[in-house]
Amino acid sequence: MTSTDTAERPGLQATFPSAEWWRTAVIYQIYPRSFSDSSGDGIGDLPGVTAHLADLEQLGVDAIWLSPFQRSPQKDAGYDVADYCDVDPLFGTLADFDVMLAEAHARGIRVIVDVVPNHSSDQHVWFQEAVAAGPGSRERARYMFRDGTGTDGDLPPNNWESVFGGPAWTRLVEPDGTLGQWYLHIFDTSQPDFDWTNEEVREEFRRVLRFWLDRGVDGFRVDVAHGLIKADGLPDYTPDPHAGSMGGEEANVPYWGQPGVHEIYRDWHTLMAEYGGDRALCAEAWLPTPEKTALWVRPDEMHQAFNFAYLETAWDAAALRAVVDESLGAYGAVGAPSTWVLSNHDVVRHASRLALSAENPQGYGIGPDSPGQPIPEVGLRRARAATTLMLALPGSAYLYQGEELGLPEVIDIPGDARQDPTWFRTHGERYGRDGCRVPIPWTTDDPAYGFSPSGASWLPQPAEWAALARDAQVDVPGSTLSLYRSLLAARRAHGLGSGTLEWISGFGDAVVAFRNGNVTLIANLGDAAVTIPAGTVIAASGPLDGDALPTDTAVWLTGA
């Protein structure tokens, strides 16, 4: 893995005013390949990120999180890492990363990078060495190699299924051409799982963390943070076919949420504490309840965990009140903030998801033949109201690139243009995640809507995105971009991230209403307008009719 001296690069160790910034921060997720392409090859890159940092500063975010940009064959959009300590040429160079980091810090924006510890690419030097070394070797002990069952080992070690569909085991063809051991890949065949009972694996990831911390990053988002450790004996397990693919609706999955993962994160916490600047760890941990997820953010473990229970909650007032209460109680009990989120690169964008009328498990995606197709106007109205509600909550919040433009899920992607492994491994049964990963629009009239100077785009952009481009919304009253900017400015001005929630009653069962400091949030999820109290409106997700709050609309008031 590549290493570079960091001693002579100024500006990477920025000084920020607040301690434990991660408790209240609004963090913007950048999916680099779909953010901005500076080279014209149709794939976003790190110079493209640098070019738009001023736009993110203007938006008002506190930090950015970059999905993987490390060296990778790109079989799973970079989540198959071949070298954890280098930048993939698709995205630029380590020097480009250093420039981006310094420019972000100069604007007061912290930088979080993805780390993918559950598995590597099959092109990683370690896996190549493991294949060559043979059974029983030190090299194979770094991964989950097992002998097969049945006659001549022709059956996999157990019945586990891949998150992307199909079996979770692949049998090697040994260098001499004979069939050999099987290796575990909870995700794609090209993503073999590490064996985290191996101390060599643990030491290597300590080195990886230090590499990026030494460059000046402010933290890590940990991919599949509930994975890594598998249950002893690798027992058979058949998942609920209607549950989300990452395990968020199921308990006691032998490859998710095993107790041994906590030892790993305690070790990482100790390592992070050696560095100044209050570095943070955020867990991508799909677990059944906030109480389960809170185990990942105890004081000596990680600092944040995505609140996927909140993300997956239906557009229903009672359900939202319940999950907010449960979240604040569970995370507060261990001294951690709740980290709210509505969209990311793995789920249907909430401008479409909140208007679906049929079940849609996480990871399945939606396409032209999916049941319960969303109505765009309803989805956008609900998405704006949902964000207005979320950003009034105390704690930290994550935004996914393009949601500030009101982007919906792209549904009509031709089959021959799709690239998510889920689409291929399920033979088109699941559409996967391409629809939320389409490159975002910056300008109405330029090629690829300003995403790429050449007009190239690694996934096709829909024509209707011209009207949603950033230049069509900036400084336009009532636009979704203007709403986000006003919400983030007011959130910061009123200290909502560090506030305390107090529920307000009297508006009926279909309304979510609470007070956070001197700001009152009222969100109407019902079928009829409701009357709001007198006060000063500081933000609203949609037009108000005097003192009537229309359906699927939320408002922030002071003096109410």
Protein backbone atom coordinates (compact mmCIF):
# COMPACT_ATOMS: atom_id res chain seq x y z
CA MET A 1 0.00 0.00 0.00
CA THR A 2 1.22 3.50 -0.85
CA SER A 3 2.62 5.86 1.78
CA THR A 4 3.62 9.51 1.51
CA ASP A 5 5.30 11.86 3.96
CA THR A 6 2.94 14.53 5.34
CA ALA A 7 5.33 16.70 7.31
CA GLU A 8 5.73 19.50 4.75
CA ARG A 9 2.10 20.06 3.74
CA PRO A 10 0.73 23.20 5.41
CA GLY A 11 -2.90 23.84 6.15
CA LEU A 12 -4.01 20.28 6.77
CA GLN A 13 -4.26 20.57 10.55
CA ALA A 14 -6.92 23.25 10.76
CA THR A 15 -8.05 24.81 14.00
CA PHE A 16 -11.81 24.79 14.53
CA PRO A 17 -13.67 26.65 17.25
CA SER A 18 -15.79 23.94 18.83
CA ALA A 19 -14.94 20.74 20.68
CA GLU A 20 -16.88 17.54 19.94
CA TRP A 21 -18.12 19.12 16.72
CA TRP A 22 -19.66 15.81 15.66
CA ARG A 23 -22.41 16.14 18.27
CA THR A 24 -24.18 18.88 16.32
CA ALA A 25 -22.63 18.93 12.83
CA VAL A 26 -24.51 18.89 9.55
CA ILE A 27 -22.43 16.61 7.33
CA TYR A 28 -22.82 16.47 3.55
CA GLN A 29 -22.19 13.15 1.82
CA ILE A 30 -20.27 13.36 -1.43
CA TYR A 31 -20.45 10.35 -3.72
CA PRO A 32 -17.35 11.36 -5.68
CA ARG A 33 -18.07 9.64 -8.98
CA SER A 34 -21.41 11.48 -9.22
CA PHE A 35 -20.55 14.88 -7.75
CA SER A 36 -18.45 16.78 -10.31
CA ASP A 37 -16.18 15.63 -13.13
CA SER A 38 -13.26 17.95 -13.89
CA SER A 39 -11.53 15.72 -16.45
CA GLY A 40 -14.38 15.05 -18.87
CA ASP A 41 -14.31 11.27 -18.56
CA GLY A 42 -17.85 11.14 -17.17
CA ILE A 43 -16.79 10.18 -13.65
CA GLY A 44 -16.58 12.69 -10.82
CA ASP A 45 -13.22 13.30 -9.17
CA LEU A 46 -11.42 15.05 -6.32
CA PRO A 47 -10.61 18.23 -8.28
CA GLY A 48 -14.34 18.38 -8.99
CA VAL A 49 -15.01 18.33 -5.26
CA THR A 50 -12.49 21.14 -4.70
CA ALA A 51 -14.13 23.21 -7.43
CA HIS A 52 -17.48 23.19 -5.59
CA LEU A 53 -16.36 23.69 -1.99
CA ALA A 54 -17.52 27.30 -2.18
CA ASP A 55 -21.03 26.05 -3.04
CA LEU A 56 -20.99 23.77 0.01
CA GLU A 57 -19.74 26.60 2.21
CA GLN A 58 -22.61 28.71 0.90
CA LEU A 59 -25.03 25.86 1.62
CA GLY A 60 -23.88 25.98 5.24
CA VAL A 61 -22.62 22.49 6.01
CA ASP A 62 -20.05 21.80 8.74
CA ALA A 63 -18.31 18.81 7.17
CA ILE A 64 -18.21 16.58 4.12
CA TRP A 65 -18.00 12.80 3.97
CA LEU A 66 -16.51 11.30 0.83
CA SER A 67 -17.52 7.82 -0.26
CA PRO A 68 -14.55 5.68 -1.36
CA PHE A 69 -11.99 7.22 -3.69
CA GLN A 70 -9.18 4.76 -2.92
CA ARG A 71 -7.63 2.45 -5.52
CA SER A 72 -10.21 -0.04 -6.74
CA PRO A 73 -11.25 -2.10 -9.78
CA GLN A 74 -14.65 -0.37 -9.30
CA LYS A 75 -16.67 -3.58 -9.35
CA ASP A 76 -18.82 -2.02 -6.60
CA ALA A 77 -18.25 1.68 -7.18
CA GLY A 78 -15.14 1.79 -5.02
CA TYR A 79 -16.38 -0.27 -2.10
CA ASP A 80 -14.03 -2.97 -3.38
CA VAL A 81 -10.70 -1.50 -2.27
CA ALA A 82 -7.41 -2.72 -3.73
CA ASP A 83 -5.16 -0.18 -1.95
CA TYR A 84 -6.44 1.61 1.13
CA CYS A 85 -3.64 4.19 1.13
CA ASP A 86 -3.80 5.60 -2.39
CA VAL A 87 -6.25 7.47 -4.61
CA ASP A 88 -7.71 5.67 -7.59
CA PRO A 89 -6.59 7.38 -10.83
CA LEU A 90 -10.27 7.77 -11.74
CA PHE A 91 -10.53 10.34 -8.95
CA GLY A 92 -7.11 11.95 -9.13
CA THR A 93 -4.01 11.68 -6.97
CA LEU A 94 -2.96 11.95 -3.36
CA ALA A 95 -1.83 15.49 -4.18
CA ASP A 96 -5.38 16.26 -5.37
CA PHE A 97 -6.70 14.90 -2.09
CA ASP A 98 -4.31 17.09 -0.10
CA VAL A 99 -5.39 20.18 -2.02
CA MET A 100 -9.06 19.36 -1.49
CA LEU A 101 -8.52 18.77 2.23
CA ALA A 102 -6.59 22.01 2.70
CA GLU A 103 -9.19 24.01 0.75
CA ALA A 104 -12.03 22.50 2.78
CA HIS A 105 -10.29 23.26 6.06
CA ALA A 106 -9.62 26.81 4.90
CA ARG A 107 -13.39 27.22 4.50
CA GLY A 108 -14.09 25.74 7.93
CA ILE A 109 -15.36 22.46 6.48
CA ARG A 110 -14.14 19.24 8.05
CA VAL A 111 -13.47 16.13 5.97
CA ILE A 112 -14.54 12.55 6.75
CA VAL A 113 -13.40 9.69 4.54
CA ASP A 114 -14.83 6.23 4.04
CA VAL A 115 -12.99 3.19 5.34
CA VAL A 116 -14.12 -0.27 4.19
CA PRO A 117 -12.86 -2.85 6.72
CA ASN A 118 -15.26 -5.77 6.22
CA HIS A 119 -13.78 -6.82 2.89
CA SER A 120 -11.25 -5.89 0.24
CA SER A 121 -11.17 -6.22 -3.52
CA ASP A 122 -10.08 -9.57 -4.89
CA GLN A 123 -7.35 -7.51 -6.61
CA HIS A 124 -5.85 -6.50 -3.25
CA VAL A 125 -2.30 -7.80 -2.94
CA TRP A 126 -3.25 -9.76 0.17
CA PHE A 127 -5.96 -11.72 -1.62
CA GLN A 128 -3.72 -12.38 -4.58
CA GLU A 129 -1.10 -13.72 -2.16
CA ALA A 130 -3.75 -15.84 -0.43
CA VAL A 131 -4.82 -17.48 -3.67
CA ALA A 132 -1.21 -18.26 -4.55
CA ALA A 133 -0.18 -19.47 -1.07
CA GLY A 134 -2.65 -22.30 -0.63
CA PRO A 135 -4.69 -23.78 2.25
CA GLY A 136 -3.39 -23.41 5.79
CA SER A 137 -1.08 -20.51 4.91
CA ARG A 138 -0.60 -17.26 6.81
CA GLU A 139 -1.84 -15.45 3.69
CA ARG A 140 -5.16 -17.29 3.61
CA ALA A 141 -5.65 -16.72 7.32
CA ARG A 142 -6.25 -13.02 6.58
CA TYR A 143 -9.54 -13.92 4.83
CA MET A 144 -12.46 -16.26 5.49
CA PHE A 145 -11.32 -19.35 3.58
CA ARG A 146 -13.02 -22.65 4.42
CA ASP A 147 -13.15 -26.17 3.06
CA GLY A 148 -16.38 -27.11 1.35
CA THR A 149 -18.93 -29.68 2.48
CA GLY A 150 -20.49 -32.58 0.63
CA THR A 151 -18.69 -34.96 -1.65
CA ASP A 152 -15.21 -33.68 -2.50
CA GLY A 153 -16.02 -30.32 -0.87
CA ASP A 154 -18.32 -29.39 -3.74
CA LEU A 155 -20.87 -27.62 -1.53
CA PRO A 156 -20.27 -24.26 0.22
CA PRO A 157 -19.45 -24.20 3.96
CA ASN A 158 -22.94 -22.92 4.83
CA ASN A 159 -26.10 -21.51 3.24
CA TRP A 160 -25.38 -17.80 3.62
CA GLU A 161 -26.61 -15.47 0.89
CA SER A 162 -24.84 -12.42 -0.45
CA VAL A 163 -26.36 -9.00 0.23
CA PHE A 164 -26.29 -8.54 -3.54
CA GLY A 165 -28.10 -11.82 -4.19
CA GLY A 166 -26.87 -15.35 -4.82
CA PRO A 167 -24.54 -17.39 -2.61
CA ALA A 168 -22.06 -15.73 -0.23
CA TRP A 169 -19.35 -18.28 -1.03
CA THR A 170 -17.20 -18.75 -4.13
CA ARG A 171 -14.95 -21.75 -4.75
CA LEU A 172 -11.39 -21.11 -5.82
CA VAL A 173 -9.72 -22.65 -8.78
CA GLU A 174 -6.25 -23.31 -7.40
CA PRO A 175 -3.12 -22.32 -9.38
CA ASP A 176 -2.77 -25.93 -10.57
CA GLY A 177 -6.30 -25.88 -12.01
CA THR A 178 -7.97 -28.01 -9.35
CA LEU A 179 -11.03 -26.91 -7.39
CA GLY A 180 -10.06 -25.82 -3.92
CA GLN A 181 -11.35 -23.97 -0.86
CA TRP A 182 -14.26 -21.58 -0.68
CA TYR A 183 -14.03 -17.94 0.41
CA LEU A 184 -16.73 -15.82 2.02
CA HIS A 185 -18.01 -12.63 0.40
CA ILE A 186 -21.03 -11.15 2.13
CA PHE A 187 -21.19 -8.76 -0.82
CA ASP A 188 -19.94 -9.36 -4.39
CA THR A 189 -17.71 -12.26 -5.45
CA SER A 190 -15.00 -9.65 -6.00
CA GLN A 191 -15.20 -8.55 -2.32
CA PRO A 192 -13.71 -11.27 -0.06
CA ASP A 193 -14.32 -10.79 3.65
CA PHE A 194 -11.37 -10.28 5.98
CA ASP A 195 -11.00 -12.54 9.02
CA TRP A 196 -11.03 -10.04 11.88
CA THR A 197 -9.97 -12.66 14.41
CA ASN A 198 -6.54 -12.33 12.78
CA GLU A 199 -4.25 -9.82 14.53
CA GLU A 200 -2.45 -9.09 11.26
CA VAL A 201 -5.71 -7.73 9.83
CA ARG A 202 -6.25 -5.55 12.89
CA GLU A 203 -2.74 -4.12 12.72
CA GLU A 204 -3.04 -3.37 9.02
CA PHE A 205 -6.17 -1.28 9.58
CA ARG A 206 -4.48 0.61 12.39
CA ARG A 207 -1.89 1.52 9.79
CA VAL A 208 -4.59 2.58 7.32
CA LEU A 209 -6.29 4.82 9.86
CA ARG A 210 -3.00 6.45 10.79
CA PHE A 211 -2.16 7.08 7.13
CA TRP A 212 -5.25 9.25 6.63
CA LEU A 213 -5.16 10.80 10.10
CA ASP A 214 -1.58 11.87 9.47
CA ARG A 215 -2.77 13.62 6.32
CA GLY A 216 -5.24 15.60 8.41
CA VAL A 217 -8.66 13.99 7.96
CA ASP A 218 -11.24 14.69 10.65
CA GLY A 219 -12.74 11.23 10.88
CA PHE A 220 -13.99 8.10 9.21
CA ARG A 221 -17.33 6.75 8.15
CA VAL A 222 -16.97 2.99 8.69
CA ASP A 223 -18.62 0.87 6.03
CA VAL A 224 -20.55 -2.19 7.27
CA ALA A 225 -19.53 -1.36 10.83
CA HIS A 226 -21.89 -4.05 12.14
CA GLY A 227 -20.10 -6.73 10.11
CA LEU A 228 -16.42 -7.77 10.47
CA ILE A 229 -16.97 -10.48 13.11
CA LYS A 230 -18.93 -13.62 12.17
CA ALA A 231 -20.58 -16.00 14.62
CA ASP A 232 -18.51 -18.93 15.83
CA GLY A 233 -19.01 -22.00 13.67
CA LEU A 234 -20.59 -19.99 10.83
CA PRO A 235 -24.06 -21.46 11.42
CA ASP A 236 -26.63 -21.68 8.62
CA TYR A 237 -29.02 -18.75 8.40
CA THR A 238 -31.90 -17.95 6.07
CA PRO A 239 -32.83 -14.23 6.02
CA ASP A 240 -36.35 -12.89 5.88
CA PRO A 241 -36.93 -12.31 2.15
CA HIS A 242 -38.88 -9.13 2.92
CA ALA A 243 -36.23 -7.56 5.16
CA GLY A 244 -33.65 -4.99 4.13
CA SER A 245 -30.50 -6.46 2.67
CA MET A 246 -28.17 -4.97 5.29
CA GLY A 247 -29.97 -6.53 8.24
CA GLY A 248 -31.70 -3.50 9.68
CA GLU A 249 -34.97 -5.32 10.30
CA GLU A 250 -33.59 -8.55 11.72
CA ALA A 251 -31.88 -9.60 14.94
CA ASN A 252 -29.45 -12.45 15.58
CA VAL A 253 -27.94 -12.55 12.09
CA PRO A 254 -24.67 -14.54 12.35
CA TYR A 255 -22.76 -12.09 10.14
CA TRP A 256 -24.22 -8.84 11.53
CA GLY A 257 -23.92 -7.24 14.95
CA GLN A 258 -21.73 -9.82 16.67
CA PRO A 259 -20.38 -8.78 20.10
CA GLY A 260 -16.76 -9.06 19.01
CA VAL A 261 -16.96 -5.95 16.81
CA HIS A 262 -16.98 -3.73 19.88
CA GLU A 263 -13.45 -4.72 20.83
CA ILE A 264 -12.30 -3.48 17.40
CA TYR A 265 -13.90 -0.07 17.80
CA ARG A 266 -12.58 0.37 21.33
CA ASP A 267 -9.15 -0.15 19.84
CA TRP A 268 -9.85 2.38 17.08
CA HIS A 269 -11.23 4.87 19.61
CA THR A 270 -7.95 4.72 21.53
CA LEU A 271 -6.00 5.25 18.32
CA MET A 272 -8.14 8.24 17.28
CA ALA A 273 -7.68 9.84 20.70
CA GLU A 274 -3.95 10.06 20.06
CA TYR A 275 -4.62 12.73 17.43
CA GLY A 276 -5.62 16.33 18.08
CA GLY A 277 -8.59 18.04 16.52
CA ASP A 278 -11.30 15.81 17.94
CA ARG A 279 -11.39 13.14 15.21
CA ALA A 280 -14.59 11.11 14.90
CA LEU A 281 -15.84 7.67 13.87
CA CYS A 282 -19.30 7.18 12.35
CA ALA A 283 -20.82 3.72 12.08
CA GLU A 284 -22.82 2.45 9.15
CA ALA A 285 -24.58 -0.14 11.30
CA TRP A 286 -27.92 -1.49 10.05
CA LEU A 287 -29.47 -2.88 13.23
CA PRO A 288 -33.09 -3.51 14.23
CA THR A 289 -33.52 -0.75 16.83
CA PRO A 290 -31.90 2.44 18.13
CA GLU A 291 -31.15 0.55 21.36
CA LYS A 292 -29.09 -1.98 19.41
CA THR A 293 -27.36 0.72 17.38
CA ALA A 294 -26.51 2.71 20.51
CA LEU A 295 -24.14 -0.09 21.53
CA TRP A 296 -21.82 1.12 18.76
CA VAL A 297 -21.58 4.65 20.26
CA ARG A 298 -20.83 3.95 23.89
CA PRO A 299 -18.25 6.40 25.31
CA ASP A 300 -15.21 4.26 24.47
CA GLU A 301 -16.33 3.20 20.97
CA MET A 302 -17.59 5.20 18.00
CA HIS A 303 -18.82 8.79 18.12
CA GLN A 304 -21.79 8.61 15.75
CA ALA A 305 -24.00 5.97 14.16
CA PHE A 306 -26.42 6.58 11.34
CA ASN A 307 -30.00 6.44 12.59
CA PHE A 308 -31.35 4.02 10.01
CA ALA A 309 -34.42 3.30 12.11
CA TYR A 310 -35.36 6.95 11.56
CA LEU A 311 -34.54 6.79 7.83
CA GLU A 312 -36.76 3.75 7.39
CA THR A 313 -39.74 5.17 9.28
CA ALA A 314 -42.86 5.67 7.19
CA TRP A 315 -44.42 9.09 6.59
CA ASP A 316 -46.62 8.71 9.64
CA ALA A 317 -46.78 11.12 12.58
CA ALA A 318 -47.18 8.53 15.33
CA ALA A 319 -44.33 6.42 13.96
CA LEU A 320 -42.05 9.45 13.69
CA ARG A 321 -42.80 10.61 17.23
CA ALA A 322 -42.05 7.09 18.47
CA VAL A 323 -38.71 6.72 16.67
CA VAL A 324 -37.55 10.19 17.73
CA ASP A 325 -38.38 9.41 21.36
CA GLU A 326 -36.72 6.01 21.14
CA SER A 327 -33.63 7.48 19.46
CA LEU A 328 -33.10 10.35 21.86
CA GLY A 329 -33.54 7.97 24.77
CA ALA A 330 -31.25 5.24 23.46
CA TYR A 331 -28.40 7.43 22.26
CA GLY A 332 -28.73 9.82 25.18
CA ALA A 333 -28.44 6.91 27.61
CA VAL A 334 -24.87 6.26 26.38
CA GLY A 335 -23.94 9.93 26.08
CA ALA A 336 -24.03 10.03 22.28
CA PRO A 337 -25.93 12.28 19.87
CA SER A 338 -28.58 10.91 17.58
CA THR A 339 -27.33 11.20 14.01
CA TRP A 340 -30.34 11.78 11.76
CA VAL A 341 -30.39 10.88 8.06
CA LEU A 342 -32.99 10.59 5.29
CA SER A 343 -31.00 9.64 2.17
CA ASN A 344 -27.67 8.16 1.11
CA HIS A 345 -26.04 6.24 -1.75
CA ASP A 346 -27.67 2.93 -0.73
CA VAL A 347 -31.35 3.88 -0.42
CA VAL A 348 -34.08 5.29 -2.63
CA ARG A 349 -33.89 9.10 -2.42
CA HIS A 350 -36.42 10.37 0.08
CA ALA A 351 -38.01 12.68 -2.52
CA SER A 352 -39.32 9.44 -4.05
CA ARG A 353 -39.26 6.99 -1.14
CA LEU A 354 -41.74 8.97 0.96
CA ALA A 355 -44.29 8.76 -1.85
CA LEU A 356 -44.01 5.02 -2.53
CA SER A 357 -47.23 3.10 -1.98
CA ALA A 358 -45.72 -0.40 -1.92
CA GLU A 359 -43.11 -2.15 0.20
CA ASN A 360 -39.54 -1.44 -0.92
CA PRO A 361 -36.83 -3.10 1.21
CA GLN A 362 -33.49 -1.32 1.51
CA GLY A 363 -31.19 -2.19 -1.39
CA TYR A 364 -33.92 -3.30 -3.80
CA GLY A 365 -34.28 0.06 -5.54
CA ILE A 366 -37.11 1.04 -7.86
CA GLY A 367 -37.46 0.78 -11.61
CA PRO A 368 -40.16 1.24 -14.23
CA ASP A 369 -41.86 -2.05 -13.30
CA SER A 370 -41.74 -1.61 -9.53
CA PRO A 371 -45.11 -1.51 -7.75
CA GLY A 372 -46.29 1.60 -5.94
CA GLN A 373 -44.62 4.16 -8.20
CA PRO A 374 -44.10 7.53 -6.50
CA ILE A 375 -46.00 10.65 -7.50
CA PRO A 376 -43.21 13.25 -7.98
CA GLU A 377 -45.14 16.24 -6.59
CA VAL A 378 -46.15 14.34 -3.46
CA GLY A 379 -42.64 13.00 -2.97
CA LEU A 380 -40.97 16.41 -3.20
CA ARG A 381 -43.52 18.04 -0.90
CA ARG A 382 -43.02 15.34 1.72
CA ALA A 383 -39.23 15.37 1.29
CA ARG A 384 -39.07 19.11 1.95
CA ALA A 385 -41.28 18.71 5.01
CA ALA A 386 -39.28 15.71 6.26
CA THR A 387 -36.00 17.64 6.00
CA THR A 388 -37.54 20.63 7.75
CA LEU A 389 -38.56 18.32 10.57
CA MET A 390 -35.20 16.50 10.71
CA LEU A 391 -33.06 19.63 10.85
CA ALA A 392 -35.03 20.91 13.83
CA LEU A 393 -34.04 17.87 15.89
CA PRO A 394 -31.16 18.04 18.37
CA GLY A 395 -28.03 16.11 17.40
CA SER A 396 -26.10 15.72 14.16
CA ALA A 397 -27.55 15.34 10.65
CA TYR A 398 -26.34 13.96 7.33
CA LEU A 399 -27.41 15.23 3.92
CA TYR A 400 -26.85 13.32 0.67
CA GLN A 401 -25.60 15.20 -2.36
CA GLY A 402 -28.44 16.46 -4.53
CA GLU A 403 -31.15 16.28 -1.92
CA GLU A 404 -30.73 20.05 -1.49
CA LEU A 405 -31.91 20.27 -5.12
CA GLY A 406 -34.94 18.06 -4.48
CA LEU A 407 -33.60 15.30 -6.73
CA PRO A 408 -35.86 12.25 -6.97
CA GLU A 409 -34.78 8.67 -7.57
CA VAL A 410 -34.05 8.06 -11.26
CA ILE A 411 -36.37 5.23 -12.20
CA ASP A 412 -36.05 4.82 -15.96
CA ILE A 413 -32.41 3.72 -16.27
CA PRO A 414 -32.05 1.26 -19.15
CA GLY A 415 -30.96 -2.21 -18.14
CA ASP A 416 -27.81 -2.01 -20.27
CA ALA A 417 -26.79 1.20 -18.46
CA ARG A 418 -27.15 -0.14 -14.93
CA GLN A 419 -23.99 -0.87 -12.97
CA ASP A 420 -24.98 -1.94 -9.45
CA PRO A 421 -23.89 -5.55 -8.75
CA THR A 422 -27.35 -6.14 -7.25
CA TRP A 423 -28.93 -5.79 -10.70
CA PHE A 424 -26.66 -8.44 -12.21
CA ARG A 425 -26.52 -10.89 -9.31
CA THR A 426 -30.35 -10.98 -9.07
CA HIS A 427 -30.73 -11.17 -12.88
CA GLY A 428 -32.75 -7.95 -12.89
CA GLU A 429 -35.07 -8.97 -10.06
CA ARG A 430 -33.78 -6.07 -7.93
CA TYR A 431 -32.98 -2.74 -9.53
CA GLY A 432 -30.40 -1.87 -6.88
CA ARG A 433 -28.93 1.51 -6.06
CA ASP A 434 -28.11 3.15 -9.38
CA GLY A 435 -31.19 5.35 -9.20
CA CYS A 436 -29.84 7.35 -6.24
CA ARG A 437 -26.31 7.56 -7.69
CA VAL A 438 -26.94 9.40 -10.95
CA PRO A 439 -24.55 12.39 -11.37
CA ILE A 440 -26.08 15.58 -10.02
CA PRO A 441 -26.94 18.69 -12.08
CA TRP A 442 -25.12 21.99 -11.55
CA THR A 443 -26.17 24.10 -14.55
CA THR A 444 -29.26 24.01 -16.73
CA ASP A 445 -27.76 24.61 -20.15
CA ASP A 446 -24.30 23.04 -20.05
CA PRO A 447 -23.32 19.51 -21.15
CA ALA A 448 -24.34 16.90 -18.56
CA TYR A 449 -25.97 19.80 -16.69
CA GLY A 450 -22.53 21.02 -15.66
CA PHE A 451 -21.45 17.69 -14.17
CA SER A 452 -18.84 17.09 -16.90
CA PRO A 453 -17.38 19.47 -19.50
CA SER A 454 -17.60 16.75 -22.14
CA GLY A 455 -21.24 15.89 -21.53
CA ALA A 456 -20.27 12.37 -20.47
CA SER A 457 -21.99 10.79 -17.49
CA TRP A 458 -21.34 7.29 -16.13
CA LEU A 459 -25.08 6.90 -15.51
CA PRO A 460 -27.65 8.64 -17.73
CA GLN A 461 -29.19 11.83 -16.37
CA PRO A 462 -32.91 12.43 -16.95
CA ALA A 463 -34.03 15.41 -19.00
CA GLU A 464 -36.22 16.73 -16.19
CA TRP A 465 -33.10 17.46 -14.12
CA ALA A 466 -32.42 20.60 -16.17
CA ALA A 467 -35.05 22.41 -14.11
CA LEU A 468 -33.49 21.13 -10.86
CA ALA A 469 -29.92 22.27 -11.60
CA ARG A 470 -28.24 24.36 -8.94
CA ASP A 471 -28.07 27.51 -11.09
CA ALA A 472 -31.84 27.32 -11.62
CA GLN A 473 -32.42 27.33 -7.84
CA VAL A 474 -29.73 29.45 -6.22
CA ASP A 475 -31.19 32.61 -4.65
CA VAL A 476 -34.64 31.70 -6.01
CA PRO A 477 -37.24 32.14 -3.21
CA GLY A 478 -39.13 28.93 -2.58
CA SER A 479 -36.63 26.67 -4.33
CA THR A 480 -35.50 23.55 -2.52
CA LEU A 481 -31.92 24.85 -2.45
CA SER A 482 -33.07 28.10 -0.85
CA LEU A 483 -35.05 26.10 1.71
CA TYR A 484 -31.98 24.07 2.68
CA ARG A 485 -29.82 27.17 2.97
CA SER A 486 -32.36 28.92 5.18
CA LEU A 487 -32.84 25.83 7.37
CA LEU A 488 -29.11 25.35 7.91
CA ALA A 489 -28.57 29.03 8.70
CA ALA A 490 -31.45 29.10 11.18
CA ARG A 491 -30.39 25.78 12.72
CA ARG A 492 -26.97 27.20 13.45
CA ALA A 493 -28.27 30.60 14.60
CA HIS A 494 -30.69 29.03 17.08
CA GLY A 495 -28.34 26.28 18.28
CA LEU A 496 -30.80 23.51 17.45
CA GLY A 497 -28.11 20.84 17.22
CA SER A 498 -27.30 21.24 20.91
CA GLY A 499 -30.86 21.87 22.04
CA THR A 500 -33.45 19.82 23.89
CA LEU A 501 -36.71 18.51 22.46
CA GLU A 502 -40.04 19.19 24.19
CA TRP A 503 -43.14 17.66 22.62
CA ILE A 504 -46.17 19.88 22.03
CA SER A 505 -49.70 18.46 22.01
CA GLY A 506 -53.02 19.78 20.82
CA PHE A 507 -52.60 19.54 17.05
CA GLY A 508 -54.06 16.08 16.49
CA ASP A 509 -52.61 12.65 15.81
CA ALA A 510 -51.43 13.47 12.29
CA VAL A 511 -49.12 16.30 13.39
CA VAL A 512 -45.57 16.21 14.74
CA ALA A 513 -44.96 19.24 16.95
CA PHE A 514 -42.13 20.04 19.33
CA ARG A 515 -40.11 22.89 20.74
CA ASN A 516 -36.30 23.00 20.57
CA GLY A 517 -35.02 26.04 22.44
CA ASN A 518 -36.92 29.04 21.12
CA VAL A 519 -37.94 27.32 17.86
CA THR A 520 -41.25 25.51 17.45
CA LEU A 521 -41.56 22.85 14.73
CA ILE A 522 -44.97 21.87 13.42
CA ALA A 523 -45.23 19.27 10.65
CA ASN A 524 -48.61 18.33 9.19
CA LEU A 525 -48.66 14.75 7.89
CA GLY A 526 -52.44 14.55 7.73
CA ASP A 527 -55.01 14.99 4.98
CA ALA A 528 -56.33 18.40 6.08
CA ALA A 529 -54.79 21.75 6.96
CA VAL A 530 -54.18 22.56 10.63
CA THR A 531 -54.09 25.92 12.37
CA ILE A 532 -50.73 27.05 13.67
CA PRO A 533 -50.23 29.45 16.59
CA ALA A 534 -49.21 33.06 16.18
CA GLY A 535 -45.48 33.56 15.88
CA THR A 536 -42.72 34.54 13.49
CA VAL A 537 -42.16 32.13 10.63
CA ILE A 538 -38.42 31.59 10.15
CA ALA A 539 -38.67 28.69 7.69
CA ALA A 540 -41.40 26.70 5.97
CA SER A 541 -41.17 23.72 3.63
CA GLY A 542 -43.95 25.05 1.44
CA PRO A 543 -46.42 27.94 1.10
CA LEU A 544 -48.65 28.69 4.07
CA ASP A 545 -52.24 29.84 3.82
CA GLY A 546 -52.38 32.48 6.53
CA ASP A 547 -52.38 30.57 9.81
CA ALA A 548 -53.26 27.30 8.03
CA LEU A 549 -50.51 24.71 7.62
CA PRO A 550 -51.30 22.59 4.52
CA THR A 551 -50.85 18.85 4.34
CA ASP A 552 -47.29 17.52 3.97
CA THR A 553 -45.84 20.83 5.10
CA ALA A 554 -43.62 21.81 8.04
CA VAL A 555 -42.84 25.16 9.61
CA TRP A 556 -40.38 26.67 12.11
CA LEU A 557 -41.74 29.43 14.34
CA THR A 558 -40.33 31.64 17.06
CA GLY A 559 -42.48 33.32 19.65
CA ALA A 560 -45.11 30.60 19.38
